[in-house]
Amino acid sequence: LSRDPALLDTIGSGTDIHDATAGLIYGPGFTAEQRTIAKRATFGAIYGGGARALAAQTGASEDAAREVISRWRNAYPGVAAYGRRMAELAEITTASGRRIPADPGRPYASANYAIQSTARDLLVAAIYTLVTQHKVGGLWLFVHDEIIVQAPERDAERVRGLLQQAMTGTFRGVPVLAEATILGPTWGRLDTPAGPSSERRPRAGQEPSPAHEQHGG
């Protein structure tokens, strides 16, 4: 949405965006703690959070948080400029043409409206493709940018492939990547690490096999 060149390059490179951001802010030798701070700064900077919120979330001092946010804005100036432009609008028009009234008391949230609403539209478009073109039913649960589908065990691998295909695409030339994982008999925890669902482990007792999709980007 912002067309920030540095952010476009980061996403296009296929590297982990939070690793790349931490590298831009701290240099190549960043620590796991610094990566967490950089990740929080990304969401805070995009969605209107300030130094106080970042400090509360990460345990950093407000001065350190303020410095990180400043470095983030210097790393992605196009995103910061996009947020300022959106804050001046009385009405936000999403990429799909939906119109959302701005909140005069929270102008910093206007960019959030545009970003989250666009992500929602992309998710719904993927669901529509999954159901109408791939003829996949059994939609079970939606978790933010993820879809959980229930299918017979014998059909789980085919559904997994179709789910990943429907959820993968591009938006204005930017790749939107997805990975699908077969969770097992129930939606729970996987026994072994497997991609974005590595913290889940299956529970026994049901025959249908949920296939889980994380919608990247």
Protein backbone atom coordinates (compact mmCIF):
# COMPACT_ATOMS: atom_id res chain seq x y z
CA LEU A 1 0.00 0.00 0.00
CA SER A 2 2.82 2.42 0.79
CA ARG A 3 5.08 1.25 -2.07
CA ASP A 4 8.07 1.78 0.21
CA PRO A 5 11.11 0.59 -1.84
CA ALA A 6 13.01 -0.86 1.12
CA LEU A 7 9.99 -2.80 2.36
CA LEU A 8 9.22 -4.06 -1.15
CA ASP A 9 12.81 -5.27 -1.49
CA THR A 10 12.64 -7.00 1.90
CA ILE A 11 9.44 -8.85 1.05
CA GLY A 12 10.59 -9.65 -2.47
CA SER A 13 13.86 -11.15 -1.22
CA GLY A 14 11.97 -13.91 0.59
CA THR A 15 13.86 -13.30 3.83
CA ASP A 16 12.09 -13.14 7.17
CA ILE A 17 10.75 -9.61 7.37
CA HIS A 18 11.44 -9.23 11.10
CA ASP A 19 15.02 -10.49 10.68
CA ALA A 20 15.51 -7.98 7.87
CA THR A 21 14.05 -5.14 9.92
CA ALA A 22 16.21 -6.01 12.92
CA GLY A 23 19.23 -5.96 10.61
CA LEU A 24 18.29 -2.53 9.29
CA ILE A 25 17.87 -1.18 12.83
CA TYR A 26 20.66 -2.93 14.74
CA GLY A 27 23.01 -4.28 12.06
CA PRO A 28 23.73 -7.90 11.08
CA GLY A 29 24.66 -9.02 14.60
CA PHE A 30 21.24 -8.43 16.16
CA THR A 31 20.10 -10.57 19.09
CA ALA A 32 16.83 -12.47 19.56
CA GLU A 33 15.70 -9.76 21.99
CA GLN A 34 16.46 -7.06 19.44
CA ARG A 35 14.49 -9.00 16.80
CA THR A 36 11.49 -9.03 19.14
CA ILE A 37 11.79 -5.28 19.68
CA ALA A 38 12.08 -4.71 15.92
CA LYS A 39 9.01 -6.88 15.30
CA ARG A 40 7.00 -4.97 17.88
CA ALA A 41 8.23 -1.70 16.43
CA THR A 42 6.99 -2.77 12.99
CA PHE A 43 3.44 -3.34 14.17
CA GLY A 44 3.53 -0.31 16.46
CA ALA A 45 4.79 2.00 13.75
CA ILE A 46 2.21 0.75 11.25
CA TYR A 47 -0.73 0.74 13.66
CA GLY A 48 -0.03 3.93 15.56
CA GLY A 49 1.77 2.73 18.69
CA GLY A 50 4.36 4.99 20.29
CA ALA A 51 7.46 4.65 22.44
CA ARG A 52 5.49 4.09 25.65
CA ALA A 53 3.56 1.15 24.16
CA LEU A 54 6.72 -0.39 22.70
CA ALA A 55 8.53 -0.04 26.02
CA ALA A 56 5.64 -1.70 27.87
CA GLN A 57 5.54 -4.60 25.40
CA THR A 58 9.27 -5.31 25.31
CA GLY A 59 10.67 -4.12 28.64
CA ALA A 60 12.94 -1.60 26.92
CA SER A 61 13.22 1.92 28.29
CA GLU A 62 11.11 4.61 26.65
CA ASP A 63 14.25 6.32 25.40
CA ALA A 64 15.44 3.08 23.77
CA ALA A 65 11.96 2.47 22.34
CA ARG A 66 11.88 5.99 20.94
CA GLU A 67 15.25 5.42 19.27
CA VAL A 68 14.06 2.12 17.74
CA ILE A 69 10.92 3.76 16.33
CA SER A 70 13.03 6.56 14.87
CA ARG A 71 15.35 4.03 13.23
CA TRP A 72 12.36 2.07 11.92
CA ARG A 73 10.91 5.16 10.27
CA ASN A 74 14.29 5.92 8.74
CA ALA A 75 14.49 2.34 7.43
CA TYR A 76 11.00 2.49 5.88
CA PRO A 77 10.29 6.18 5.22
CA GLY A 78 7.63 5.38 2.66
CA VAL A 79 5.54 3.58 5.26
CA ALA A 80 5.82 6.49 7.68
CA ALA A 81 4.79 8.91 4.93
CA TYR A 82 1.85 6.67 4.03
CA GLY A 83 0.66 6.77 7.65
CA ARG A 84 0.84 10.56 7.68
CA ARG A 85 -1.14 10.80 4.43
CA MET A 86 -3.82 8.46 5.72
CA ALA A 87 -4.11 10.42 8.97
CA GLU A 88 -5.25 13.48 7.01
CA LEU A 89 -8.20 11.74 5.37
CA ALA A 90 -11.80 11.99 6.54
CA GLU A 91 -12.61 8.71 4.78
CA ILE A 92 -10.43 5.73 3.90
CA THR A 93 -11.03 3.86 0.65
CA THR A 94 -9.58 0.35 0.69
CA ALA A 95 -7.86 -1.33 -2.24
CA SER A 96 -11.11 -3.15 -3.05
CA GLY A 97 -13.13 0.08 -2.97
CA ARG A 98 -14.74 -0.23 0.46
CA ARG A 99 -15.17 3.11 2.23
CA ILE A 100 -14.45 3.48 5.95
CA PRO A 101 -15.07 6.70 7.93
CA ALA A 102 -11.96 7.91 9.74
CA ASP A 103 -12.04 8.42 13.49
CA PRO A 104 -11.24 12.12 14.11
CA GLY A 105 -10.01 11.28 17.59
CA ARG A 106 -7.62 8.58 16.35
CA PRO A 107 -6.13 9.78 13.03
CA TYR A 108 -3.14 7.46 13.53
CA ALA A 109 -5.52 4.49 13.16
CA SER A 110 -6.48 5.31 9.57
CA ALA A 111 -3.49 3.44 8.13
CA ASN A 112 -4.46 0.49 10.33
CA TYR A 113 -7.97 0.54 8.86
CA ALA A 114 -6.59 0.41 5.33
CA ILE A 115 -4.02 -2.30 6.03
CA GLN A 116 -6.21 -4.63 8.07
CA SER A 117 -9.21 -4.17 5.78
CA THR A 118 -7.11 -4.98 2.72
CA ALA A 119 -5.76 -8.08 4.44
CA ARG A 120 -9.34 -9.10 5.21
CA ASP A 121 -10.35 -8.62 1.57
CA LEU A 122 -7.44 -10.75 0.37
CA LEU A 123 -8.41 -13.49 2.83
CA VAL A 124 -12.05 -13.46 1.69
CA ALA A 125 -10.95 -13.58 -1.95
CA ALA A 126 -8.82 -16.64 -1.18
CA ILE A 127 -11.73 -18.31 0.59
CA TYR A 128 -13.98 -17.60 -2.39
CA THR A 129 -11.42 -19.17 -4.74
CA LEU A 130 -11.06 -22.18 -2.45
CA VAL A 131 -14.80 -22.85 -2.39
CA THR A 132 -15.87 -21.92 -5.92
CA GLN A 133 -12.89 -22.96 -8.04
CA HIS A 134 -11.36 -25.76 -5.98
CA LYS A 135 -14.70 -27.01 -4.61
CA VAL A 136 -13.31 -27.43 -1.09
CA GLY A 137 -15.86 -27.47 1.72
CA GLY A 138 -15.53 -28.21 5.40
CA LEU A 139 -14.42 -24.71 6.37
CA TRP A 140 -14.07 -25.06 10.10
CA LEU A 141 -12.45 -22.03 11.67
CA PHE A 142 -10.80 -18.72 10.79
CA VAL A 143 -7.97 -17.45 13.00
CA HIS A 144 -6.87 -13.97 11.91
CA ASP A 145 -5.08 -14.75 8.61
CA GLU A 146 -5.48 -18.53 8.80
CA ILE A 147 -8.09 -21.01 7.59
CA ILE A 148 -8.70 -24.39 9.18
CA VAL A 149 -10.46 -26.90 6.92
CA GLN A 150 -11.82 -30.30 7.96
CA ALA A 151 -11.51 -33.17 5.47
CA PRO A 152 -11.48 -36.99 5.50
CA GLU A 153 -8.02 -38.35 6.25
CA ARG A 154 -7.78 -40.02 2.85
CA ASP A 155 -8.31 -36.62 1.18
CA ALA A 156 -6.19 -34.51 3.52
CA GLU A 157 -3.11 -34.15 1.30
CA ARG A 158 -5.15 -33.11 -1.75
CA VAL A 159 -7.08 -30.53 0.29
CA ARG A 160 -3.85 -29.27 1.81
CA GLY A 161 -2.44 -28.59 -1.65
CA LEU A 162 -5.58 -26.83 -2.85
CA LEU A 163 -5.68 -24.73 0.32
CA GLN A 164 -2.10 -23.60 -0.11
CA GLN A 165 -2.72 -22.85 -3.79
CA ALA A 166 -5.81 -20.73 -3.05
CA MET A 167 -4.05 -18.76 -0.33
CA THR A 168 -0.91 -18.01 -2.38
CA GLY A 169 -0.89 -15.13 -4.82
CA THR A 170 0.20 -11.56 -5.35
CA PHE A 171 -1.12 -8.14 -4.42
CA ARG A 172 0.00 -5.22 -6.57
CA GLY A 173 3.03 -7.21 -7.59
CA VAL A 174 3.97 -8.19 -4.03
CA PRO A 175 4.05 -11.96 -3.34
CA VAL A 176 1.59 -13.24 -0.75
CA LEU A 177 2.97 -16.61 0.30
CA ALA A 178 1.23 -19.32 2.30
CA GLU A 179 2.06 -22.69 3.83
CA ALA A 180 -0.44 -25.42 4.66
CA THR A 181 0.01 -28.11 7.31
CA ILE A 182 -2.03 -31.21 8.10
CA LEU A 183 -2.72 -30.99 11.81
CA GLY A 184 -4.05 -34.49 12.43
CA PRO A 185 -7.24 -35.85 14.01
CA THR A 186 -8.18 -32.62 15.78
CA TRP A 187 -7.15 -29.01 15.89
CA GLY A 188 -4.54 -29.12 18.63
CA ARG A 189 -0.78 -29.46 18.68
CA LEU A 190 1.57 -31.22 16.29
CA ASP A 191 3.90 -33.83 17.76
CA THR A 192 6.83 -32.56 15.69
CA PRO A 193 7.70 -29.07 14.45
CA ALA A 194 6.20 -28.45 11.02
CA GLY A 195 6.23 -24.92 9.68
CA PRO A 196 3.91 -22.26 11.09
CA SER A 197 1.96 -24.81 13.15
CA SER A 198 4.97 -26.23 14.98
CA GLU A 199 3.48 -25.55 18.40
CA ARG A 200 0.33 -27.59 17.79
CA ARG A 201 -0.08 -31.23 18.80
CA PRO A 202 -2.93 -33.53 17.63
CA ARG A 203 -5.32 -35.20 20.02
CA ALA A 204 -6.73 -38.61 19.22
CA GLY A 205 -10.39 -39.46 18.95
CA GLN A 206 -11.78 -38.00 15.72
CA GLU A 207 -11.54 -39.19 12.14
CA PRO A 208 -11.68 -35.93 10.13
CA SER A 209 -8.29 -34.38 9.50
CA PRO A 210 -8.06 -30.59 9.74
CA ALA A 211 -5.74 -28.94 7.25
CA HIS A 212 -4.40 -25.64 8.53
CA GLU A 213 -3.36 -22.70 6.38
CA GLN A 214 -1.32 -19.71 7.41
CA HIS A 215 -1.75 -16.75 5.09
CA GLY A 216 1.56 -14.95 4.92
CA GLY A 217 2.15 -11.32 4.11
